[in-house]
Amino acid sequence: MKRAMVLAGGGVAGIAWEIGILRGIQDIEPEVYSSLVAADVILGTSAGAAVAAQITGRTPLGDLYDAQLSETTSELEVDVDLQSLMARFGQAAAGATTAAETRRRIGALALATPTVDEAARRAAIAARLPVHAWPDQALLIPAVDAQTGGLVIFTRASGVALVDAVAASCAVPGVWPPVSIGGHRYIDGGMRSGTNADLATGCDRVLVITPSLADAPQPSGSLEDEIELLKPAEVRVVHADAASLEAFGSNPLSPASRGPSARAGRTVGKAHAAELAAFWS
């Protein structure tokens, strides 16, 4: 039985919420949490990349959760209007005939947008991760080449620093600078898909944790299609609820969203813990 845990994107709020989900599971089913963290494959996109790197570093989950509640943070404040950002993506992609072309155009937007200095952004990502070494288990971190629109999956074997891989997967176009690695520039892995769950193909049981409503429109990729591609695997999805969305607020990239999102995630995690214990066993 090969198992995978998939952690989706969702900004700073998504990081806090996913850590809260796991904390809630640990509250009720501590052995299930231990098994989840030891999954054969852990796949993290954008916010999920940060969470995946944190939990596979073996830092106690309680410490990771408490850090989300702390008023002290290395996260950079950024004022983002998500509707305006999505509109910019739509304008950039207008007329594109393939998904790769859409990503390439959004990559061009990212490369042309003035942002905080790349080194400052990397420092903030580095501060998110208590451990900067890749884990021994399979950790997959997707990002998108800003110039080609192609997918890259960073792993321990890639020869790329974990901090750089996470920074690349978290580089929201038009907000954060594309990340420089080996002569290429990379943007958020969520530009291909918010979950990239299909990359867990070959696993028999897959848990997807995503900070979105079950019926929410998907700006990139389709979780339903990805689940089809995972067959015959058994797949379970933990979605956000209305209270979680309220906790995320209007700007899920703001550090102010961390505390409310972590607490909301913990509540959802507790509610799903028993169900997940039966699924994961």
Protein backbone atom coordinates (compact mmCIF):
# COMPACT_ATOMS: atom_id res chain seq x y z
CA MET A 1 0.00 0.00 0.00
CA LYS A 2 1.59 3.26 -1.16
CA ARG A 3 0.14 6.41 0.37
CA ALA A 4 0.41 10.09 -0.57
CA MET A 5 -0.59 13.30 1.15
CA VAL A 6 -1.23 16.30 -1.11
CA LEU A 7 -1.11 19.81 0.34
CA ALA A 8 -2.59 22.55 -1.84
CA GLY A 9 -1.86 26.23 -2.31
CA GLY A 10 -3.62 29.03 -0.50
CA GLY A 11 -1.23 31.79 0.54
CA VAL A 12 -0.14 32.59 4.07
CA ALA A 13 -3.66 31.76 5.25
CA GLY A 14 -3.40 28.39 3.53
CA ILE A 15 -0.18 27.55 5.34
CA ALA A 16 -1.76 28.33 8.70
CA TRP A 17 -4.98 26.50 7.85
CA GLU A 18 -3.22 23.33 6.69
CA ILE A 19 -1.05 23.27 9.79
CA GLY A 20 -4.26 23.76 11.77
CA ILE A 21 -5.88 20.83 9.94
CA LEU A 22 -3.00 18.58 10.87
CA ARG A 23 -3.03 19.84 14.46
CA GLY A 24 -6.73 19.05 14.70
CA ILE A 25 -6.14 15.54 13.38
CA GLN A 26 -3.33 15.10 15.90
CA ASP A 27 -5.64 16.25 18.72
CA ILE A 28 -8.06 13.39 18.05
CA GLU A 29 -5.98 10.76 16.26
CA PRO A 30 -2.28 11.28 17.06
CA GLU A 31 -1.25 8.00 15.43
CA VAL A 32 -2.98 9.03 12.20
CA TYR A 33 -1.04 12.29 12.14
CA SER A 34 2.23 10.40 12.63
CA SER A 35 1.30 8.12 9.74
CA LEU A 36 0.35 11.04 7.50
CA VAL A 37 3.71 12.73 8.02
CA ALA A 38 5.41 9.42 7.22
CA ALA A 39 3.50 9.03 3.92
CA ASP A 40 5.40 7.44 1.04
CA VAL A 41 4.90 10.63 -0.98
CA ILE A 42 4.22 14.16 0.24
CA LEU A 43 3.33 16.61 -2.51
CA GLY A 44 3.15 20.31 -1.68
CA THR A 45 2.21 23.14 -4.01
CA SER A 46 2.77 26.81 -3.13
CA ALA A 47 1.52 27.18 0.48
CA GLY A 48 1.45 23.39 0.60
CA ALA A 49 5.15 23.31 -0.30
CA ALA A 50 5.94 25.33 2.81
CA VAL A 51 3.81 23.08 4.99
CA ALA A 52 5.29 19.92 3.45
CA ALA A 53 8.82 21.17 4.09
CA GLN A 54 7.93 22.10 7.66
CA ILE A 55 6.33 18.82 8.69
CA THR A 56 8.92 16.58 7.01
CA GLY A 57 11.63 18.47 8.88
CA ARG A 58 10.36 16.74 12.03
CA THR A 59 9.76 19.94 13.95
CA PRO A 60 7.04 19.16 16.52
CA LEU A 61 3.65 20.05 15.06
CA GLY A 62 2.70 21.91 18.21
CA ASP A 63 5.62 24.27 17.65
CA LEU A 64 4.60 24.85 14.02
CA TYR A 65 1.03 25.54 15.08
CA ASP A 66 2.05 27.90 17.89
CA ALA A 67 4.21 29.84 15.42
CA GLN A 68 1.10 30.54 13.35
CA LEU A 69 -0.58 32.08 16.40
CA SER A 70 2.39 34.24 17.29
CA GLU A 71 2.25 37.95 16.54
CA THR A 72 5.94 37.78 15.67
CA THR A 73 6.57 36.65 12.11
CA SER A 74 9.06 36.93 9.29
CA GLU A 75 6.25 36.95 6.72
CA LEU A 76 6.24 40.03 4.48
CA GLU A 77 3.12 42.14 4.46
CA VAL A 78 1.68 42.69 1.01
CA ASP A 79 -1.52 44.42 -0.02
CA VAL A 80 -3.19 42.26 -2.65
CA ASP A 81 -6.61 42.59 -4.26
CA LEU A 82 -7.24 39.05 -5.44
CA GLN A 83 -9.97 40.04 -7.87
CA SER A 84 -7.70 42.56 -9.55
CA LEU A 85 -4.86 40.02 -9.64
CA MET A 86 -7.10 37.41 -11.26
CA ALA A 87 -8.23 40.01 -13.78
CA ARG A 88 -4.58 40.71 -14.65
CA PHE A 89 -4.01 37.00 -15.17
CA GLY A 90 -7.08 36.83 -17.40
CA GLN A 91 -5.92 39.77 -19.50
CA ALA A 92 -2.44 38.30 -19.85
CA ALA A 93 -3.82 34.92 -20.90
CA ALA A 94 -6.45 36.24 -23.33
CA GLY A 95 -6.10 34.44 -26.65
CA ALA A 96 -3.86 31.67 -25.35
CA THR A 97 -4.76 28.33 -26.91
CA THR A 98 -2.95 25.95 -24.55
CA ALA A 99 -2.39 25.69 -20.81
CA ALA A 100 1.36 26.02 -21.32
CA GLU A 101 0.88 29.21 -23.32
CA THR A 102 -1.35 30.60 -20.57
CA ARG A 103 1.33 29.87 -18.00
CA ARG A 104 4.00 31.38 -20.24
CA ARG A 105 2.02 34.61 -20.56
CA ILE A 106 1.45 34.80 -16.82
CA GLY A 107 5.15 34.12 -16.39
CA ALA A 108 5.91 37.10 -18.63
CA LEU A 109 3.61 39.20 -16.44
CA ALA A 110 5.52 38.03 -13.36
CA LEU A 111 8.89 38.85 -14.90
CA ALA A 112 7.71 42.35 -15.83
CA THR A 113 6.10 43.24 -12.49
CA PRO A 114 8.15 45.23 -9.93
CA THR A 115 8.18 43.40 -6.60
CA VAL A 116 10.17 43.14 -3.40
CA ASP A 117 13.80 42.16 -3.92
CA GLU A 118 14.27 38.44 -4.59
CA ALA A 119 16.79 38.10 -1.74
CA ALA A 120 14.34 39.61 0.75
CA ARG A 121 11.65 37.22 -0.34
CA ARG A 122 14.02 34.25 -0.07
CA ALA A 123 14.93 35.30 3.46
CA ALA A 124 11.25 35.27 4.42
CA ILE A 125 10.82 31.78 2.97
CA ALA A 126 13.97 30.56 4.75
CA ALA A 127 12.57 31.83 8.03
CA ARG A 128 9.41 29.77 7.46
CA LEU A 129 11.37 26.55 7.47
CA PRO A 130 12.90 25.37 10.76
CA VAL A 131 14.95 22.81 8.81
CA HIS A 132 16.53 23.59 5.42
CA ALA A 133 17.58 20.07 4.45
CA TRP A 134 15.50 17.84 2.20
CA PRO A 135 13.94 14.90 4.04
CA ASP A 136 14.82 11.31 3.17
CA GLN A 137 11.23 10.51 2.16
CA ALA A 138 9.77 11.48 -1.19
CA LEU A 139 8.88 15.19 -1.14
CA LEU A 140 7.62 16.66 -4.42
CA ILE A 141 7.46 20.45 -4.92
CA PRO A 142 6.01 21.67 -8.25
CA ALA A 143 6.84 25.04 -9.82
CA VAL A 144 6.44 26.56 -13.29
CA ASP A 145 9.18 27.87 -15.56
CA ALA A 146 8.24 31.51 -16.10
CA GLN A 147 9.73 31.61 -19.60
CA THR A 148 8.50 28.31 -21.03
CA GLY A 149 5.38 27.68 -18.96
CA GLY A 150 6.66 24.17 -18.34
CA LEU A 151 6.21 22.21 -15.13
CA VAL A 152 9.21 21.32 -12.99
CA ILE A 153 9.02 19.03 -9.97
CA PHE A 154 11.73 19.71 -7.43
CA THR A 155 12.85 16.77 -5.30
CA ARG A 156 15.82 15.86 -3.17
CA ALA A 157 17.49 14.55 -6.34
CA SER A 158 17.17 17.90 -8.15
CA GLY A 159 20.27 19.37 -6.55
CA VAL A 160 18.30 22.48 -5.58
CA ALA A 161 18.21 23.91 -2.06
CA LEU A 162 14.94 23.18 -0.29
CA VAL A 163 14.47 26.88 0.47
CA ASP A 164 14.77 27.75 -3.22
CA ALA A 165 12.34 24.98 -4.24
CA VAL A 166 9.74 26.20 -1.74
CA ALA A 167 10.29 29.83 -2.74
CA ALA A 168 9.78 28.93 -6.40
CA SER A 169 6.55 27.05 -5.70
CA CYS A 170 5.30 30.01 -3.62
CA ALA A 171 6.21 32.76 -6.12
CA VAL A 172 2.76 34.19 -6.83
CA PRO A 173 2.99 36.03 -10.19
CA GLY A 174 2.51 39.75 -9.95
CA VAL A 175 3.06 39.67 -6.19
CA TRP A 176 6.41 37.98 -5.50
CA PRO A 177 9.53 37.85 -7.68
CA PRO A 178 10.11 34.79 -9.88
CA VAL A 179 12.81 32.65 -8.27
CA SER A 180 16.19 32.24 -9.95
CA ILE A 181 17.50 28.67 -10.06
CA GLY A 182 20.14 27.42 -12.45
CA GLY A 183 19.66 30.17 -15.00
CA HIS A 184 15.87 29.83 -15.04
CA ARG A 185 13.14 31.85 -13.34
CA TYR A 186 10.28 30.03 -11.66
CA ILE A 187 6.77 30.98 -10.56
CA ASP A 188 4.10 29.48 -8.35
CA GLY A 189 3.32 25.80 -8.93
CA GLY A 190 -0.33 26.72 -8.46
CA MET A 191 -0.27 28.21 -11.96
CA ARG A 192 -0.55 24.65 -13.23
CA SER A 193 -2.94 23.48 -10.54
CA GLY A 194 -3.78 24.45 -7.02
CA THR A 195 -3.26 20.87 -5.91
CA ASN A 196 -1.28 19.09 -8.68
CA ALA A 197 -2.78 15.94 -7.19
CA ASP A 198 -2.25 13.98 -10.42
CA LEU A 199 1.49 14.00 -9.65
CA ALA A 200 0.73 11.42 -6.94
CA THR A 201 -0.04 8.86 -9.63
CA GLY A 202 1.04 5.35 -8.71
CA CYS A 203 -0.13 5.71 -5.12
CA ASP A 204 -2.93 3.52 -3.80
CA ARG A 205 -4.38 5.95 -1.27
CA VAL A 206 -4.25 9.74 -1.58
CA LEU A 207 -5.33 12.40 0.90
CA VAL A 208 -5.76 15.90 -0.52
CA ILE A 209 -5.96 18.87 1.85
CA THR A 210 -7.06 22.07 0.13
CA PRO A 211 -8.17 25.42 1.61
CA SER A 212 -11.06 25.85 -0.81
CA LEU A 213 -14.75 25.05 -0.76
CA ALA A 214 -15.79 21.80 -2.42
CA ASP A 215 -17.79 23.66 -5.08
CA ALA A 216 -15.40 26.58 -5.58
CA PRO A 217 -14.36 27.41 -9.17
CA GLN A 218 -10.80 26.37 -9.93
CA PRO A 219 -8.74 29.04 -11.72
CA SER A 220 -6.10 26.50 -12.78
CA GLY A 221 -6.34 22.76 -13.16
CA SER A 222 -9.29 20.63 -12.12
CA LEU A 223 -9.16 18.53 -8.98
CA GLU A 224 -11.94 16.32 -10.34
CA ASP A 225 -9.90 15.58 -13.46
CA GLU A 226 -6.80 14.94 -11.37
CA ILE A 227 -8.69 12.46 -9.20
CA GLU A 228 -9.79 10.65 -12.35
CA LEU A 229 -6.15 10.36 -13.38
CA LEU A 230 -5.31 8.86 -10.00
CA LYS A 231 -7.66 5.90 -10.44
CA PRO A 232 -7.76 3.20 -9.22
CA ALA A 233 -6.38 4.96 -6.13
CA GLU A 234 -8.72 5.73 -3.26
CA VAL A 235 -8.83 9.52 -2.80
CA ARG A 236 -10.19 11.59 0.05
CA VAL A 237 -10.35 15.40 -0.01
CA VAL A 238 -10.53 17.69 3.02
CA HIS A 239 -11.96 21.04 1.94
CA ALA A 240 -12.32 24.33 3.77
CA ASP A 241 -15.70 25.29 5.19
CA ALA A 242 -17.46 28.66 5.32
CA ALA A 243 -15.90 29.54 8.68
CA SER A 244 -12.45 28.87 7.23
CA LEU A 245 -13.08 31.19 4.28
CA GLU A 246 -14.16 33.90 6.69
CA ALA A 247 -10.93 33.37 8.63
CA PHE A 248 -8.85 33.73 5.46
CA GLY A 249 -10.23 37.24 4.98
CA SER A 250 -9.99 39.34 1.84
CA ASN A 251 -6.20 39.01 1.60
CA PRO A 252 -4.96 35.46 2.33
CA LEU A 253 -1.39 36.62 1.69
CA SER A 254 -1.46 38.88 4.74
CA PRO A 255 0.30 37.64 7.90
CA ALA A 256 -2.76 38.88 9.83
CA SER A 257 -4.70 35.89 8.43
CA ARG A 258 -2.47 33.35 10.17
CA GLY A 259 -4.05 33.07 13.61
CA PRO A 260 -7.70 32.92 12.53
CA SER A 261 -6.86 30.49 9.71
CA ALA A 262 -4.89 28.15 11.96
CA ARG A 263 -7.72 28.01 14.49
CA ALA A 264 -10.31 27.41 11.76
CA GLY A 265 -8.19 24.63 10.28
CA ARG A 266 -7.80 22.97 13.65
CA THR A 267 -11.58 22.83 14.03
CA VAL A 268 -11.98 21.26 10.58
CA GLY A 269 -9.16 18.80 11.29
CA LYS A 270 -10.84 17.63 14.48
CA ALA A 271 -14.11 17.13 12.63
CA HIS A 272 -12.45 14.93 9.99
CA ALA A 273 -10.05 13.02 12.23
CA ALA A 274 -12.11 9.90 12.85
CA GLU A 275 -13.12 9.63 9.21
CA LEU A 276 -9.50 9.98 8.11
CA ALA A 277 -8.39 7.35 10.60
CA ALA A 278 -10.65 4.84 8.85
CA PHE A 279 -9.57 5.99 5.38
CA TRP A 280 -5.82 6.05 5.99
CA SER A 281 -5.57 2.73 7.85
